[in-house]
N, C-alpha and C. Protein backbone atom coordinates (compact mmCIF):
# COMPACT_ATOMS: atom_id res chain seq x y z
N MET A 1 -14.86 4.63 -64.51
CA MET A 1 -16.00 4.18 -63.74
C MET A 1 -15.59 3.83 -62.31
N ILE A 2 -14.48 3.15 -62.17
CA ILE A 2 -13.99 2.82 -60.83
C ILE A 2 -13.62 4.10 -60.09
N ASN A 3 -13.05 5.07 -60.81
CA ASN A 3 -12.70 6.35 -60.18
C ASN A 3 -13.95 7.02 -59.59
N LEU A 4 -15.05 7.00 -60.33
CA LEU A 4 -16.28 7.59 -59.82
C LEU A 4 -16.78 6.86 -58.57
N LEU A 5 -16.69 5.53 -58.61
CA LEU A 5 -17.11 4.73 -57.47
C LEU A 5 -16.24 5.02 -56.24
N VAL A 6 -14.92 5.08 -56.44
CA VAL A 6 -13.99 5.36 -55.35
C VAL A 6 -14.21 6.77 -54.83
N GLN A 7 -14.40 7.73 -55.74
CA GLN A 7 -14.64 9.11 -55.31
C GLN A 7 -15.94 9.21 -54.51
N GLY A 8 -16.95 8.49 -54.95
CA GLY A 8 -18.24 8.49 -54.24
C GLY A 8 -18.10 7.91 -52.84
N LEU A 9 -17.39 6.78 -52.74
CA LEU A 9 -17.18 6.16 -51.43
C LEU A 9 -16.34 7.05 -50.53
N MET A 10 -15.33 7.69 -51.11
CA MET A 10 -14.48 8.60 -50.33
C MET A 10 -15.30 9.79 -49.83
N GLY A 11 -16.20 10.29 -50.66
CA GLY A 11 -17.05 11.41 -50.26
C GLY A 11 -17.98 11.01 -49.12
N VAL A 12 -18.57 9.81 -49.22
CA VAL A 12 -19.46 9.33 -48.17
C VAL A 12 -18.66 9.13 -46.87
N ALA A 13 -17.49 8.52 -46.98
CA ALA A 13 -16.65 8.29 -45.80
C ALA A 13 -16.22 9.62 -45.19
N SER A 14 -15.87 10.57 -46.03
CA SER A 14 -15.45 11.89 -45.55
C SER A 14 -16.60 12.59 -44.83
N ASP A 15 -17.78 12.50 -45.41
CA ASP A 15 -18.96 13.11 -44.77
C ASP A 15 -19.25 12.44 -43.42
N ALA A 16 -19.12 11.12 -43.37
CA ALA A 16 -19.39 10.39 -42.13
C ALA A 16 -18.39 10.79 -41.06
N ILE A 17 -17.12 10.86 -41.42
CA ILE A 17 -16.08 11.25 -40.46
C ILE A 17 -16.29 12.70 -40.03
N GLY A 18 -16.61 13.56 -40.99
CA GLY A 18 -16.87 14.96 -40.66
C GLY A 18 -18.04 15.11 -39.71
N GLY A 19 -19.11 14.34 -39.95
CA GLY A 19 -20.28 14.37 -39.07
C GLY A 19 -19.94 13.88 -37.67
N TYR A 20 -19.13 12.83 -37.59
CA TYR A 20 -18.70 12.28 -36.30
C TYR A 20 -17.89 13.32 -35.52
N VAL A 21 -16.97 13.98 -36.21
CA VAL A 21 -16.13 15.00 -35.57
C VAL A 21 -16.98 16.17 -35.10
N GLU A 22 -17.91 16.61 -35.92
CA GLU A 22 -18.79 17.72 -35.53
C GLU A 22 -19.65 17.35 -34.33
N THR A 23 -20.14 16.11 -34.31
CA THR A 23 -20.94 15.65 -33.17
C THR A 23 -20.10 15.67 -31.89
N LYS A 24 -18.86 15.19 -31.97
CA LYS A 24 -17.97 15.19 -30.81
C LYS A 24 -17.70 16.62 -30.35
N LYS A 25 -17.47 17.53 -31.29
CA LYS A 25 -17.23 18.93 -30.94
C LYS A 25 -18.46 19.53 -30.25
N ALA A 26 -19.64 19.23 -30.78
CA ALA A 26 -20.88 19.77 -30.20
C ALA A 26 -21.09 19.24 -28.79
N LYS A 27 -20.82 17.95 -28.57
CA LYS A 27 -20.98 17.37 -27.24
C LYS A 27 -19.97 17.98 -26.26
N ALA A 28 -18.74 18.19 -26.72
CA ALA A 28 -17.72 18.81 -25.87
C ALA A 28 -18.11 20.23 -25.50
N LYS A 29 -18.65 20.98 -26.49
CA LYS A 29 -19.07 22.34 -26.23
C LYS A 29 -20.24 22.35 -25.25
N GLN A 30 -21.17 21.44 -25.41
CA GLN A 30 -22.32 21.34 -24.52
C GLN A 30 -21.85 21.06 -23.09
N LYS A 31 -20.90 20.15 -22.93
CA LYS A 31 -20.37 19.82 -21.62
C LYS A 31 -19.68 21.04 -21.00
N LEU A 32 -18.93 21.78 -21.80
CA LEU A 32 -18.24 22.98 -21.32
C LEU A 32 -19.25 24.03 -20.86
N VAL A 33 -20.30 24.24 -21.64
CA VAL A 33 -21.33 25.21 -21.27
C VAL A 33 -22.01 24.79 -19.96
N GLN A 34 -22.26 23.51 -19.80
CA GLN A 34 -22.89 23.00 -18.58
C GLN A 34 -21.97 23.23 -17.38
N ILE A 35 -20.69 22.96 -17.52
CA ILE A 35 -19.73 23.17 -16.43
C ILE A 35 -19.64 24.65 -16.07
N GLU A 36 -19.61 25.50 -17.09
CA GLU A 36 -19.55 26.94 -16.83
C GLU A 36 -20.80 27.43 -16.10
N ALA A 37 -21.96 26.92 -16.48
CA ALA A 37 -23.21 27.31 -15.83
C ALA A 37 -23.22 26.86 -14.37
N GLU A 38 -22.79 25.63 -14.12
CA GLU A 38 -22.74 25.14 -12.75
C GLU A 38 -21.75 25.94 -11.91
N THR A 39 -20.63 26.31 -12.51
CA THR A 39 -19.63 27.12 -11.81
C THR A 39 -20.20 28.49 -11.45
N THR A 40 -20.91 29.10 -12.38
CA THR A 40 -21.53 30.40 -12.12
C THR A 40 -22.53 30.30 -10.96
N ILE A 41 -23.34 29.27 -10.96
CA ILE A 41 -24.31 29.07 -9.88
C ILE A 41 -23.59 28.90 -8.55
N MET A 42 -22.54 28.10 -8.52
CA MET A 42 -21.79 27.89 -7.28
C MET A 42 -21.16 29.19 -6.79
N GLU A 43 -20.63 29.99 -7.71
CA GLU A 43 -20.03 31.27 -7.32
C GLU A 43 -21.09 32.19 -6.69
N LYS A 44 -22.27 32.20 -7.29
CA LYS A 44 -23.34 33.04 -6.75
C LYS A 44 -23.77 32.55 -5.37
N GLN A 45 -23.83 31.23 -5.18
CA GLN A 45 -24.20 30.70 -3.88
C GLN A 45 -23.15 31.07 -2.83
N ILE A 46 -21.90 30.90 -3.18
CA ILE A 46 -20.82 31.24 -2.25
C ILE A 46 -20.87 32.72 -1.92
N SER A 47 -21.05 33.54 -2.93
CA SER A 47 -21.13 34.98 -2.71
C SER A 47 -22.29 35.34 -1.80
N GLY A 48 -23.42 34.68 -1.99
CA GLY A 48 -24.59 34.94 -1.16
C GLY A 48 -24.34 34.56 0.29
N GLU A 49 -23.66 33.43 0.52
CA GLU A 49 -23.37 33.02 1.88
C GLU A 49 -22.43 34.01 2.55
N ILE A 50 -21.45 34.47 1.82
CA ILE A 50 -20.51 35.43 2.37
C ILE A 50 -21.25 36.73 2.68
N ASP A 51 -22.09 37.19 1.74
CA ASP A 51 -22.85 38.42 1.95
C ASP A 51 -23.76 38.30 3.17
N TRP A 52 -24.38 37.14 3.35
CA TRP A 52 -25.27 36.92 4.49
C TRP A 52 -24.50 37.02 5.80
N ASP A 53 -23.35 36.37 5.86
CA ASP A 53 -22.56 36.40 7.09
C ASP A 53 -22.06 37.80 7.41
N VAL A 54 -21.64 38.54 6.39
CA VAL A 54 -21.17 39.91 6.61
C VAL A 54 -22.31 40.77 7.12
N ALA A 55 -23.50 40.65 6.52
CA ALA A 55 -24.65 41.43 6.96
C ALA A 55 -25.06 41.05 8.38
N ALA A 56 -25.01 39.77 8.69
CA ALA A 56 -25.37 39.33 10.04
C ALA A 56 -24.41 39.90 11.07
N GLN A 57 -23.14 39.92 10.75
CA GLN A 57 -22.15 40.47 11.68
C GLN A 57 -22.34 41.97 11.87
N LYS A 58 -22.61 42.69 10.78
CA LYS A 58 -22.83 44.14 10.87
C LYS A 58 -24.07 44.45 11.70
N ASN A 59 -25.13 43.69 11.48
CA ASN A 59 -26.38 43.95 12.19
C ASN A 59 -26.31 43.63 13.67
N SER A 60 -25.44 42.71 14.04
CA SER A 60 -25.38 42.31 15.45
C SER A 60 -24.23 42.96 16.20
N SER A 61 -23.59 43.95 15.61
CA SER A 61 -22.43 44.55 16.25
C SER A 61 -22.78 45.23 17.58
N GLY A 62 -23.95 45.81 17.71
CA GLY A 62 -24.33 46.47 18.94
C GLY A 62 -25.32 45.68 19.76
N SER A 63 -25.47 44.41 19.47
CA SER A 63 -26.49 43.59 20.11
C SER A 63 -25.87 42.64 21.14
N TRP A 64 -26.66 42.35 22.16
CA TRP A 64 -26.24 41.38 23.18
C TRP A 64 -26.78 39.99 22.87
N LYS A 65 -27.43 39.84 21.74
CA LYS A 65 -28.08 38.59 21.39
C LYS A 65 -27.11 37.41 21.39
N ASP A 66 -25.94 37.57 20.78
CA ASP A 66 -24.97 36.48 20.73
C ASP A 66 -24.47 36.12 22.12
N GLU A 67 -24.18 37.14 22.91
CA GLU A 67 -23.70 36.89 24.26
C GLU A 67 -24.77 36.18 25.09
N TYR A 68 -26.02 36.63 24.93
CA TYR A 68 -27.13 36.01 25.66
C TYR A 68 -27.23 34.53 25.31
N LEU A 69 -27.21 34.21 24.01
CA LEU A 69 -27.33 32.81 23.60
C LEU A 69 -26.13 31.99 24.07
N THR A 70 -24.95 32.58 24.04
CA THR A 70 -23.76 31.87 24.51
C THR A 70 -23.89 31.55 26.00
N ILE A 71 -24.33 32.52 26.78
CA ILE A 71 -24.53 32.29 28.22
C ILE A 71 -25.61 31.25 28.44
N LEU A 72 -26.72 31.39 27.71
CA LEU A 72 -27.84 30.46 27.86
C LEU A 72 -27.42 29.02 27.59
N PHE A 73 -26.65 28.82 26.53
CA PHE A 73 -26.22 27.47 26.18
C PHE A 73 -25.09 26.97 27.09
N SER A 74 -24.41 27.88 27.77
CA SER A 74 -23.32 27.49 28.67
C SER A 74 -23.83 27.07 30.04
N ILE A 75 -24.99 27.53 30.44
CA ILE A 75 -25.52 27.23 31.78
C ILE A 75 -25.61 25.72 32.03
N PRO A 76 -26.27 24.95 31.14
CA PRO A 76 -26.33 23.50 31.41
C PRO A 76 -24.95 22.85 31.45
N LEU A 77 -24.05 23.33 30.61
CA LEU A 77 -22.69 22.79 30.61
C LEU A 77 -22.04 22.99 31.97
N LEU A 78 -22.13 24.19 32.49
CA LEU A 78 -21.53 24.49 33.79
C LEU A 78 -22.22 23.73 34.92
N LEU A 79 -23.54 23.63 34.85
CA LEU A 79 -24.28 22.93 35.91
C LEU A 79 -23.96 21.44 35.96
N CYS A 80 -23.53 20.88 34.86
CA CYS A 80 -23.16 19.45 34.84
C CYS A 80 -21.96 19.16 35.73
N PHE A 81 -21.19 20.17 36.06
CA PHE A 81 -20.01 19.99 36.90
C PHE A 81 -20.31 20.19 38.40
N LEU A 82 -21.55 20.53 38.69
CA LEU A 82 -21.97 20.67 40.09
C LEU A 82 -22.85 19.47 40.42
N PRO A 83 -22.34 18.54 41.24
CA PRO A 83 -23.08 17.28 41.48
C PRO A 83 -24.52 17.48 41.94
N PHE A 84 -24.81 18.48 42.72
CA PHE A 84 -26.16 18.66 43.23
C PHE A 84 -27.12 19.25 42.19
N THR A 85 -26.62 19.65 40.98
CA THR A 85 -27.50 20.20 39.94
C THR A 85 -27.64 19.27 38.73
N VAL A 86 -26.88 18.17 38.70
CA VAL A 86 -26.90 17.27 37.55
C VAL A 86 -28.31 16.73 37.30
N GLU A 87 -29.00 16.36 38.37
CA GLU A 87 -30.36 15.82 38.22
C GLU A 87 -31.29 16.83 37.55
N TYR A 88 -31.14 18.10 37.89
CA TYR A 88 -31.99 19.15 37.29
C TYR A 88 -31.67 19.33 35.81
N VAL A 89 -30.39 19.24 35.48
CA VAL A 89 -29.99 19.37 34.06
C VAL A 89 -30.56 18.21 33.26
N GLU A 90 -30.46 17.00 33.80
CA GLU A 90 -30.99 15.82 33.11
C GLU A 90 -32.50 15.94 32.91
N ARG A 91 -33.20 16.35 33.95
CA ARG A 91 -34.65 16.51 33.84
C ARG A 91 -35.02 17.61 32.85
N GLY A 92 -34.21 18.66 32.83
CA GLY A 92 -34.45 19.75 31.87
C GLY A 92 -34.32 19.28 30.43
N PHE A 93 -33.27 18.49 30.16
CA PHE A 93 -33.09 17.99 28.79
C PHE A 93 -34.16 16.96 28.43
N GLU A 94 -34.61 16.18 29.40
CA GLU A 94 -35.72 15.26 29.14
C GLU A 94 -36.97 16.04 28.75
N ALA A 95 -37.21 17.13 29.45
CA ALA A 95 -38.38 17.97 29.14
C ALA A 95 -38.22 18.60 27.75
N LEU A 96 -37.01 19.06 27.43
CA LEU A 96 -36.78 19.64 26.10
C LEU A 96 -36.97 18.60 25.00
N ALA A 97 -36.61 17.35 25.27
CA ALA A 97 -36.77 16.29 24.28
C ALA A 97 -38.23 16.06 23.93
N MET A 98 -39.12 16.42 24.84
CA MET A 98 -40.55 16.21 24.60
C MET A 98 -41.22 17.41 23.92
N THR A 99 -40.48 18.47 23.66
CA THR A 99 -41.08 19.64 23.00
C THR A 99 -41.39 19.31 21.55
N PRO A 100 -42.34 19.99 20.95
CA PRO A 100 -42.69 19.72 19.54
C PRO A 100 -41.53 20.07 18.60
N ASP A 101 -41.52 19.41 17.46
CA ASP A 101 -40.45 19.64 16.48
C ASP A 101 -40.40 21.09 16.04
N TRP A 102 -41.56 21.72 15.86
CA TRP A 102 -41.56 23.11 15.40
C TRP A 102 -40.80 24.01 16.37
N TYR A 103 -40.89 23.70 17.67
CA TYR A 103 -40.18 24.50 18.66
C TYR A 103 -38.66 24.30 18.53
N LYS A 104 -38.26 23.06 18.34
CA LYS A 104 -36.82 22.76 18.19
C LYS A 104 -36.27 23.44 16.94
N TYR A 105 -37.04 23.37 15.84
CA TYR A 105 -36.58 23.99 14.60
C TYR A 105 -36.52 25.51 14.73
N THR A 106 -37.50 26.07 15.43
CA THR A 106 -37.50 27.53 15.64
C THR A 106 -36.29 27.95 16.45
N LEU A 107 -35.98 27.19 17.48
CA LEU A 107 -34.79 27.48 18.28
C LEU A 107 -33.53 27.38 17.41
N GLY A 108 -33.50 26.37 16.55
CA GLY A 108 -32.36 26.23 15.63
C GLY A 108 -32.22 27.41 14.69
N VAL A 109 -33.35 27.91 14.21
CA VAL A 109 -33.32 29.07 13.31
C VAL A 109 -32.83 30.31 14.05
N ILE A 110 -33.28 30.48 15.29
CA ILE A 110 -32.84 31.63 16.09
C ILE A 110 -31.34 31.60 16.29
N VAL A 111 -30.82 30.44 16.66
CA VAL A 111 -29.38 30.31 16.86
C VAL A 111 -28.64 30.51 15.55
N SER A 112 -29.17 29.94 14.46
CA SER A 112 -28.54 30.10 13.15
C SER A 112 -28.47 31.56 12.74
N ALA A 113 -29.55 32.28 12.96
CA ALA A 113 -29.59 33.69 12.59
C ALA A 113 -28.59 34.50 13.41
N SER A 114 -28.41 34.10 14.65
CA SER A 114 -27.50 34.84 15.52
C SER A 114 -26.04 34.58 15.17
N PHE A 115 -25.70 33.33 14.98
CA PHE A 115 -24.30 32.98 14.75
C PHE A 115 -23.94 32.87 13.29
N GLY A 116 -24.89 33.02 12.40
CA GLY A 116 -24.63 32.95 10.97
C GLY A 116 -24.90 31.56 10.43
N ILE A 117 -25.18 31.51 9.15
CA ILE A 117 -25.52 30.26 8.49
C ILE A 117 -24.35 29.27 8.53
N LYS A 118 -23.15 29.75 8.28
CA LYS A 118 -22.00 28.84 8.28
C LYS A 118 -21.81 28.19 9.64
N GLY A 119 -21.97 28.98 10.69
CA GLY A 119 -21.84 28.42 12.03
C GLY A 119 -22.90 27.37 12.30
N ALA A 120 -24.10 27.61 11.82
CA ALA A 120 -25.18 26.66 12.05
C ALA A 120 -24.96 25.37 11.29
N THR A 121 -24.51 25.46 10.05
CA THR A 121 -24.28 24.24 9.28
C THR A 121 -23.16 23.43 9.88
N LYS A 122 -22.17 24.09 10.44
CA LYS A 122 -21.10 23.35 11.13
C LYS A 122 -21.65 22.70 12.39
N MET A 123 -22.50 23.43 13.10
CA MET A 123 -23.05 22.92 14.35
C MET A 123 -23.93 21.70 14.08
N PHE A 124 -24.69 21.71 13.00
CA PHE A 124 -25.58 20.60 12.68
C PHE A 124 -24.93 19.54 11.81
N GLY A 125 -23.65 19.69 11.51
CA GLY A 125 -22.89 18.68 10.79
C GLY A 125 -23.06 18.67 9.30
N LYS A 126 -23.65 19.70 8.69
CA LYS A 126 -23.80 19.74 7.24
C LYS A 126 -22.62 20.49 6.63
N LYS A 127 -22.34 20.14 5.39
CA LYS A 127 -21.20 20.79 4.71
C LYS A 127 -21.67 21.58 3.53
């Protein structure tokens, strides 16, 4: 009779331990699947960014767009070193500060498209 009781308790304990181990295994597998899915998504994002930059470079190989924007953005920089033009540069930036947000964002998109997404995120401080 005691043997039956001990065997019954051992069976219950064994089932409980087995269930605990299976639960731990299932949770570990779930975590692994989640990490693999996140890794796949990150790889696709990275690949997309690289593909975008390569396409942007190929498309702009015969274009003066980048040079134009570089010259355009360099003009105020250069004028700041000429004392008689500093006032005009300051007034110009004051006027630009009053432009609507949509205009500023559009300008940002134009520059981003020209220099590539990575260049734009670096320029705007995002990682």
